[in-house]
Amino acid sequence: MKTKAERVELVRRTIEKFQHLPNRTIARYILHHYGVMFDGDLERIRKSVLYCVGQNGEAGRRLNPRIIHKERSVIPPTWRIHREVHTLPPGLWFVMPDVHVPFHEPKPIEAAVKYAQDQGATGILFNGDLQDCAAVSFWPSTSKRDFDKETETMLDFLDFIEKEFPGIPKVWKPGNHEYRLPRYYGAKAPELIGMPLMSFDVVLGLEYRNI
C-alpha cells in the first residue's frame, strides 16, 4: 500500500509528463494506470491533481510548497485559407439555399419568387448548393452522368432568375455541392488544378452575369 506522500509524488510526475493536458484528462490517465493506489476513486485523484497545481483554493496553496505551474496550452497554427469578408449591402434580401439544380422543385421556387417580388426584394443571396453537381460527385451513380446538360440547366435557371429580378444584386456563396467540381479535378486530373475551368465563376460566367 502506497503512502500519501508516494501517491502525491506519482501525481506530480504524471503532471510534469503531461503538462499540456487538462487536469481531468491527467486524472483519468492516473485512474487507468494506477487506479488501485487510489481505490479506483477518480474524484480523489482529481483533487490530488488540483492540489499539485495549486488550484484547490488559497488554503491548499499555503500548505503546498511545491506547486507545479503548468505550461499554458498553445493552439496549433491554422491551415485556414483567408478569404475576404463580403458584406451585403443594406436591403431586403431574398435568400435561396439548397436549390440543387437540376433536381429543384419548381412549384415552391415559383411561390418563393412571387413572394420575394411582392415584398420588393432588393437583392438575392444564393446561400450554397444552388447547383447539385451530381455528375461530378464521388458517390456512385445509378444513372448516366451528364455534367454538360446539368450545367445547361443551371444556366437556364440563372437566366430565369435574371428575368424575374432584373438588375438587382445577386451573390452566390458556394456550398459543398459546388466544391464537387474542384474536388473532381483534384481526384481525376490533378495536373489541371488551377486551370480556369475548375472554377464555377468561369463555367457559369458569373462575372459576365454580374453575380
C-alpha atoms as a PDB file:
ATOM      1  CA  MET A   1       0.000   0.000   0.000  1.00  0.00           C
ATOM      2  CA  LYS A   2       1.472   3.319  -1.053  1.00  0.00           C
ATOM      3  CA  THR A   3       1.741   6.171   1.414  1.00  0.00           C
ATOM      4  CA  LYS A   4       0.074   9.535   0.817  1.00  0.00           C
ATOM      5  CA  ALA A   5       3.459  11.089   0.020  1.00  0.00           C
ATOM      6  CA  GLU A   6       4.142   8.395  -2.581  1.00  0.00           C
ATOM      7  CA  ARG A   7       0.749   8.927  -4.179  1.00  0.00           C
ATOM      8  CA  VAL A   8       1.292  12.692  -4.354  1.00  0.00           C
ATOM      9  CA  GLU A   9       4.736  12.138  -5.872  1.00  0.00           C
ATOM     10  CA  LEU A  10       3.180   9.887  -8.515  1.00  0.00           C
ATOM     11  CA  VAL A  11       0.659  12.579  -9.350  1.00  0.00           C
ATOM     12  CA  ARG A  12       3.447  15.185  -9.587  1.00  0.00           C
ATOM     13  CA  ARG A  13       5.462  13.066 -12.015  1.00  0.00           C
ATOM     14  CA  THR A  14       2.405  12.463 -14.169  1.00  0.00           C
ATOM     15  CA  ILE A  15       1.576  16.186 -14.308  1.00  0.00           C
ATOM     16  CA  GLU A  16       5.144  17.049 -15.271  1.00  0.00           C
ATOM     17  CA  LYS A  17       4.992  14.462 -18.036  1.00  0.00           C
ATOM     18  CA  PHE A  18       1.627  15.630 -19.396  1.00  0.00           C
ATOM     19  CA  GLN A  19       1.599  19.344 -18.630  1.00  0.00           C
ATOM     20  CA  HIS A  20      -0.206  20.079 -21.883  1.00  0.00           C
ATOM     21  CA  LEU A  21      -3.257  18.010 -20.900  1.00  0.00           C
ATOM     22  CA  PRO A  22      -6.288  19.207 -18.907  1.00  0.00           C
ATOM     23  CA  ASN A  23      -6.385  18.251 -15.217  1.00  0.00           C
ATOM     24  CA  ARG A  24      -9.305  15.860 -15.640  1.00  0.00           C
ATOM     25  CA  THR A  25      -7.566  14.060 -18.508  1.00  0.00           C
ATOM     26  CA  ILE A  26      -4.471  13.620 -16.312  1.00  0.00           C
ATOM     27  CA  ALA A  27      -6.671  12.276 -13.531  1.00  0.00           C
ATOM     28  CA  ARG A  28      -8.258   9.748 -15.899  1.00  0.00           C
ATOM     29  CA  TYR A  29      -4.806   8.638 -17.038  1.00  0.00           C
ATOM     30  CA  ILE A  30      -3.767   8.034 -13.432  1.00  0.00           C
ATOM     31  CA  LEU A  31      -7.011   6.179 -12.753  1.00  0.00           C
ATOM     32  CA  HIS A  32      -6.414   3.908 -15.745  1.00  0.00           C
ATOM     33  CA  HIS A  33      -2.799   3.071 -14.896  1.00  0.00           C
ATOM     34  CA  TYR A  34      -2.612   3.448 -11.104  1.00  0.00           C
ATOM     35  CA  GLY A  35      -6.232   3.416 -10.001  1.00  0.00           C
ATOM     36  CA  VAL A  36      -5.656   0.722  -7.381  1.00  0.00           C
ATOM     37  CA  MET A  37      -3.421   3.133  -5.441  1.00  0.00           C
ATOM     38  CA  PHE A  38      -6.402   5.484  -5.108  1.00  0.00           C
ATOM     39  CA  ASP A  39      -9.095   2.843  -4.515  1.00  0.00           C
ATOM     40  CA  GLY A  40     -10.373   3.498  -8.055  1.00  0.00           C
ATOM     41  CA  ASP A  41     -11.701   6.916  -6.990  1.00  0.00           C
ATOM     42  CA  LEU A  42     -11.457   9.416  -9.879  1.00  0.00           C
ATOM     43  CA  GLU A  43     -12.576  12.357  -7.737  1.00  0.00           C
ATOM     44  CA  ARG A  44      -9.864  11.605  -5.186  1.00  0.00           C
ATOM     45  CA  ILE A  45      -7.253  11.605  -7.953  1.00  0.00           C
ATOM     46  CA  ARG A  46      -8.630  14.834  -9.436  1.00  0.00           C
ATOM     47  CA  LYS A  47      -8.363  16.591  -6.069  1.00  0.00           C
ATOM     48  CA  SER A  48      -4.768  15.429  -5.767  1.00  0.00           C
ATOM     49  CA  VAL A  49      -4.038  16.856  -9.221  1.00  0.00           C
ATOM     50  CA  LEU A  50      -5.621  20.176  -8.242  1.00  0.00           C
ATOM     51  CA  TYR A  51      -3.522  20.219  -5.053  1.00  0.00           C
ATOM     52  CA  CYS A  52      -0.319  19.689  -7.010  1.00  0.00           C
ATOM     53  CA  VAL A  53      -1.052  22.505  -9.465  1.00  0.00           C
ATOM     54  CA  GLY A  54      -2.300  24.894  -6.752  1.00  0.00           C
ATOM     55  CA  GLN A  55      -5.905  25.015  -7.919  1.00  0.00           C
ATOM     56  CA  ASN A  56      -7.593  23.788  -4.750  1.00  0.00           C
ATOM     57  CA  GLY A  57      -8.075  27.143  -3.050  1.00  0.00           C
ATOM     58  CA  GLU A  58      -5.924  29.594  -1.112  1.00  0.00           C
ATOM     59  CA  ALA A  59      -5.634  27.367   1.970  1.00  0.00           C
ATOM     60  CA  GLY A  60      -4.406  24.462  -0.122  1.00  0.00           C
ATOM     61  CA  ARG A  61      -1.812  26.633  -1.848  1.00  0.00           C
ATOM     62  CA  ARG A  62      -0.416  27.749   1.539  1.00  0.00           C
ATOM     63  CA  LEU A  63       0.090  24.093   2.527  1.00  0.00           C
ATOM     64  CA  ASN A  64       1.800  23.131  -0.745  1.00  0.00           C
ATOM     65  CA  PRO A  65       5.418  24.303  -1.075  1.00  0.00           C
ATOM     66  CA  ARG A  66       5.899  22.552  -4.449  1.00  0.00           C
ATOM     67  CA  ILE A  67       3.167  23.859  -6.715  1.00  0.00           C
ATOM     68  CA  ILE A  68       3.615  22.792 -10.326  1.00  0.00           C
ATOM     69  CA  HIS A  69       2.951  25.693 -12.689  1.00  0.00           C
ATOM     70  CA  LYS A  70       1.592  24.016 -15.813  1.00  0.00           C
ATOM     71  CA  GLU A  71       2.577  25.489 -19.125  1.00  0.00           C
ATOM     72  CA  ARG A  72      -0.243  27.172 -20.963  1.00  0.00           C
ATOM     73  CA  SER A  73      -1.601  25.123 -23.814  1.00  0.00           C
ATOM     74  CA  VAL A  74      -0.910  26.587 -27.248  1.00  0.00           C
ATOM     75  CA  ILE A  75      -3.370  26.496 -30.131  1.00  0.00           C
ATOM     76  CA  PRO A  76      -1.645  24.950 -33.164  1.00  0.00           C
ATOM     77  CA  PRO A  77      -1.261  27.164 -36.236  1.00  0.00           C
ATOM     78  CA  THR A  78      -4.262  27.127 -38.546  1.00  0.00           C
ATOM     79  CA  TRP A  79      -4.326  25.897 -42.121  1.00  0.00           C
ATOM     80  CA  ARG A  80      -7.413  28.010 -42.785  1.00  0.00           C
ATOM     81  CA  ILE A  81      -7.404  29.796 -46.115  1.00  0.00           C
ATOM     82  CA  HIS A  82      -8.006  33.507 -45.609  1.00  0.00           C
ATOM     83  CA  ARG A  83     -10.955  34.829 -47.582  1.00  0.00           C
ATOM     84  CA  GLU A  84     -12.086  38.388 -47.911  1.00  0.00           C
ATOM     85  CA  VAL A  85     -15.241  39.228 -45.991  1.00  0.00           C
ATOM     86  CA  HIS A  86     -18.147  40.072 -48.295  1.00  0.00           C
ATOM     87  CA  THR A  87     -20.661  42.459 -46.771  1.00  0.00           C
ATOM     88  CA  LEU A  88     -24.119  42.507 -48.311  1.00  0.00           C
ATOM     89  CA  PRO A  89     -25.496  45.993 -48.990  1.00  0.00           C
ATOM     90  CA  PRO A  90     -28.425  47.019 -46.753  1.00  0.00           C
ATOM     91  CA  GLY A  91     -31.778  45.969 -48.142  1.00  0.00           C
ATOM     92  CA  LEU A  92     -34.345  43.182 -48.308  1.00  0.00           C
ATOM     93  CA  TRP A  93     -32.529  40.027 -49.444  1.00  0.00           C
ATOM     94  CA  PHE A  94     -34.224  37.025 -50.999  1.00  0.00           C
ATOM     95  CA  VAL A  95     -32.230  34.032 -49.692  1.00  0.00           C
ATOM     96  CA  MET A  96     -32.252  30.859 -51.795  1.00  0.00           C
ATOM     97  CA  PRO A  97     -30.426  27.975 -50.073  1.00  0.00           C
ATOM     98  CA  ASP A  98     -30.137  24.371 -51.258  1.00  0.00           C
ATOM     99  CA  VAL A  99     -31.932  24.674 -54.603  1.00  0.00           C
ATOM    100  CA  HIS A 100     -29.891  21.782 -56.070  1.00  0.00           C
ATOM    101  CA  VAL A 101     -30.476  22.487 -59.775  1.00  0.00           C
ATOM    102  CA  PRO A 102     -31.306  20.346 -61.818  1.00  0.00           C
ATOM    103  CA  PHE A 103     -33.117  18.444 -59.049  1.00  0.00           C
ATOM    104  CA  HIS A 104     -35.000  21.571 -57.921  1.00  0.00           C
ATOM    105  CA  GLU A 105     -38.716  21.700 -57.104  1.00  0.00           C
ATOM    106  CA  PRO A 106     -40.356  24.232 -59.499  1.00  0.00           C
ATOM    107  CA  LYS A 107     -43.574  24.924 -57.558  1.00  0.00           C
ATOM    108  CA  PRO A 108     -42.047  26.047 -54.238  1.00  0.00           C
ATOM    109  CA  ILE A 109     -39.445  28.068 -56.142  1.00  0.00           C
ATOM    110  CA  GLU A 110     -42.182  29.829 -58.123  1.00  0.00           C
ATOM    111  CA  ALA A 111     -44.038  30.573 -54.878  1.00  0.00           C
ATOM    112  CA  ALA A 112     -40.887  31.905 -53.225  1.00  0.00           C
ATOM    113  CA  VAL A 113     -40.060  34.066 -56.243  1.00  0.00           C
ATOM    114  CA  LYS A 114     -43.544  35.591 -56.270  1.00  0.00           C
ATOM    115  CA  TYR A 115     -43.356  36.288 -52.530  1.00  0.00           C
ATOM    116  CA  ALA A 116     -39.947  37.957 -52.897  1.00  0.00           C
ATOM    117  CA  GLN A 117     -41.293  40.111 -55.738  1.00  0.00           C
ATOM    118  CA  ASP A 118     -44.358  41.103 -53.712  1.00  0.00           C
ATOM    119  CA  GLN A 119     -42.101  42.063 -50.794  1.00  0.00           C
ATOM    120  CA  GLY A 120     -39.855  44.157 -53.035  1.00  0.00           C
ATOM    121  CA  ALA A 121     -36.608  42.164 -52.640  1.00  0.00           C
ATOM    122  CA  THR A 122     -33.582  44.344 -53.342  1.00  0.00           C
ATOM    123  CA  GLY A 123     -31.014  41.526 -53.631  1.00  0.00           C
ATOM    124  CA  ILE A 124     -30.689  37.745 -53.961  1.00  0.00           C
ATOM    125  CA  LEU A 125     -28.340  35.517 -51.965  1.00  0.00           C
ATOM    126  CA  PHE A 126     -27.775  32.008 -53.288  1.00  0.00           C
ATOM    127  CA  ASN A 127     -26.699  30.502 -49.983  1.00  0.00           C
ATOM    128  CA  GLY A 128     -24.919  27.320 -51.095  1.00  0.00           C
ATOM    129  CA  ASP A 129     -25.772  24.207 -53.108  1.00  0.00           C
ATOM    130  CA  LEU A 130     -27.513  26.123 -55.878  1.00  0.00           C
ATOM    131  CA  GLN A 131     -26.218  23.546 -58.380  1.00  0.00           C
ATOM    132  CA  ASP A 132     -26.215  19.901 -57.324  1.00  0.00           C
ATOM    133  CA  CYS A 133     -23.202  18.839 -59.411  1.00  0.00           C
ATOM    134  CA  ALA A 134     -24.324  15.211 -59.272  1.00  0.00           C
ATOM    135  CA  ALA A 135     -22.369  14.440 -62.442  1.00  0.00           C
ATOM    136  CA  VAL A 136     -19.038  15.165 -60.708  1.00  0.00           C
ATOM    137  CA  SER A 137     -19.934  13.640 -57.350  1.00  0.00           C
ATOM    138  CA  PHE A 138     -17.663  10.950 -55.905  1.00  0.00           C
ATOM    139  CA  TRP A 139     -20.790   9.000 -54.864  1.00  0.00           C
ATOM    140  CA  PRO A 140     -21.721   6.029 -57.098  1.00  0.00           C
ATOM    141  CA  SER A 141     -24.477   6.784 -59.598  1.00  0.00           C
ATOM    142  CA  THR A 142     -27.252   4.561 -60.975  1.00  0.00           C
ATOM    143  CA  SER A 143     -27.892   6.885 -63.924  1.00  0.00           C
ATOM    144  CA  LYS A 144     -25.788   8.331 -66.738  1.00  0.00           C
ATOM    145  CA  ARG A 145     -23.738  11.310 -65.659  1.00  0.00           C
ATOM    146  CA  ASP A 146     -24.084  14.387 -67.863  1.00  0.00           C
ATOM    147  CA  PHE A 147     -22.336  17.464 -66.484  1.00  0.00           C
ATOM    148  CA  ASP A 148     -22.843  19.391 -69.732  1.00  0.00           C
ATOM    149  CA  LYS A 149     -26.626  19.002 -69.557  1.00  0.00           C
ATOM    150  CA  GLU A 150     -26.663  19.769 -65.845  1.00  0.00           C
ATOM    151  CA  THR A 151     -24.691  22.971 -66.463  1.00  0.00           C
ATOM    152  CA  GLU A 152     -27.033  23.986 -69.312  1.00  0.00           C
ATOM    153  CA  THR A 153     -29.991  23.634 -66.926  1.00  0.00           C
ATOM    154  CA  MET A 154     -28.110  25.746 -64.376  1.00  0.00           C
ATOM    155  CA  LEU A 155     -27.569  28.481 -66.944  1.00  0.00           C
ATOM    156  CA  ASP A 156     -31.276  28.384 -67.848  1.00  0.00           C
ATOM    157  CA  PHE A 157     -32.098  28.787 -64.148  1.00  0.00           C
ATOM    158  CA  LEU A 158     -29.817  31.821 -63.839  1.00  0.00           C
ATOM    159  CA  ASP A 159     -31.483  33.314 -66.931  1.00  0.00           C
ATOM    160  CA  PHE A 160     -34.886  32.747 -65.290  1.00  0.00           C
ATOM    161  CA  ILE A 161     -33.797  34.492 -62.085  1.00  0.00           C
ATOM    162  CA  GLU A 162     -32.389  37.459 -64.022  1.00  0.00           C
ATOM    163  CA  LYS A 163     -35.650  37.885 -65.937  1.00  0.00           C
ATOM    164  CA  GLU A 164     -37.683  37.778 -62.718  1.00  0.00           C
ATOM    165  CA  PHE A 165     -35.305  40.110 -60.822  1.00  0.00           C
ATOM    166  CA  PRO A 166     -33.580  42.249 -63.436  1.00  0.00           C
ATOM    167  CA  GLY A 167     -30.697  44.436 -62.325  1.00  0.00           C
ATOM    168  CA  ILE A 168     -30.725  43.753 -58.573  1.00  0.00           C
ATOM    169  CA  PRO A 169     -27.535  42.497 -56.815  1.00  0.00           C
ATOM    170  CA  LYS A 170     -27.024  38.735 -56.797  1.00  0.00           C
ATOM    171  CA  VAL A 171     -24.470  36.988 -54.582  1.00  0.00           C
ATOM    172  CA  TRP A 172     -23.542  33.294 -54.716  1.00  0.00           C
ATOM    173  CA  LYS A 173     -21.926  31.618 -51.718  1.00  0.00           C
ATOM    174  CA  PRO A 174     -20.644  28.181 -52.824  1.00  0.00           C
ATOM    175  CA  GLY A 175     -21.718  25.152 -50.824  1.00  0.00           C
ATOM    176  CA  ASN A 176     -20.243  21.684 -50.515  1.00  0.00           C
ATOM    177  CA  HIS A 177     -22.005  20.582 -53.723  1.00  0.00           C
ATOM    178  CA  GLU A 178     -20.359  23.345 -55.761  1.00  0.00           C
ATOM    179  CA  TYR A 179     -16.990  22.253 -54.364  1.00  0.00           C
ATOM    180  CA  ARG A 180     -17.551  18.879 -56.019  1.00  0.00           C
ATOM    181  CA  LEU A 181     -16.147  20.364 -59.235  1.00  0.00           C
ATOM    182  CA  PRO A 182     -12.665  21.311 -57.944  1.00  0.00           C
ATOM    183  CA  ARG A 183     -12.569  18.080 -55.911  1.00  0.00           C
ATOM    184  CA  TYR A 184     -13.302  16.139 -59.108  1.00  0.00           C
ATOM    185  CA  TYR A 185     -10.378  17.806 -60.855  1.00  0.00           C
ATOM    186  CA  GLY A 186      -8.174  17.114 -57.847  1.00  0.00           C
ATOM    187  CA  ALA A 187      -9.053  13.405 -57.897  1.00  0.00           C
ATOM    188  CA  LYS A 188      -9.268  12.760 -61.649  1.00  0.00           C
ATOM    189  CA  ALA A 189      -6.944  15.308 -63.224  1.00  0.00           C
ATOM    190  CA  PRO A 190      -4.629  16.892 -60.634  1.00  0.00           C
ATOM    191  CA  GLU A 191      -2.465  18.250 -63.466  1.00  0.00           C
ATOM    192  CA  LEU A 192      -5.305  20.677 -64.282  1.00  0.00           C
ATOM    193  CA  ILE A 193      -5.632  22.122 -60.772  1.00  0.00           C
ATOM    194  CA  GLY A 194      -5.587  25.878 -61.090  1.00  0.00           C
ATOM    195  CA  MET A 195      -6.984  25.937 -64.617  1.00  0.00           C
ATOM    196  CA  PRO A 196      -9.916  28.335 -65.198  1.00  0.00           C
ATOM    197  CA  LEU A 197     -12.434  25.561 -65.888  1.00  0.00           C
ATOM    198  CA  MET A 198     -12.049  24.377 -62.288  1.00  0.00           C
ATOM    199  CA  SER A 199     -13.958  27.478 -61.234  1.00  0.00           C
ATOM    200  CA  PHE A 200     -17.718  27.952 -61.355  1.00  0.00           C
ATOM    201  CA  ASP A 201     -17.050  31.624 -61.994  1.00  0.00           C
ATOM    202  CA  VAL A 202     -15.779  30.631 -65.444  1.00  0.00           C
ATOM    203  CA  VAL A 203     -18.048  27.649 -66.162  1.00  0.00           C
ATOM    204  CA  LEU A 204     -21.205  29.676 -65.477  1.00  0.00           C
ATOM    205  CA  GLY A 205     -19.883  33.086 -66.499  1.00  0.00           C
ATOM    206  CA  LEU A 206     -20.727  34.638 -63.123  1.00  0.00           C
ATOM    207  CA  GLU A 207     -18.679  37.755 -63.755  1.00  0.00           C
ATOM    208  CA  TYR A 208     -20.468  38.289 -67.074  1.00  0.00           C
ATOM    209  CA  ARG A 209     -23.793  37.824 -65.257  1.00  0.00           C
ATOM    210  CA  ASN A 210     -22.701  40.261 -62.537  1.00  0.00           C
ATOM    211  CA  ILE A 211     -23.130  37.602 -59.816  1.00  0.00           C
END
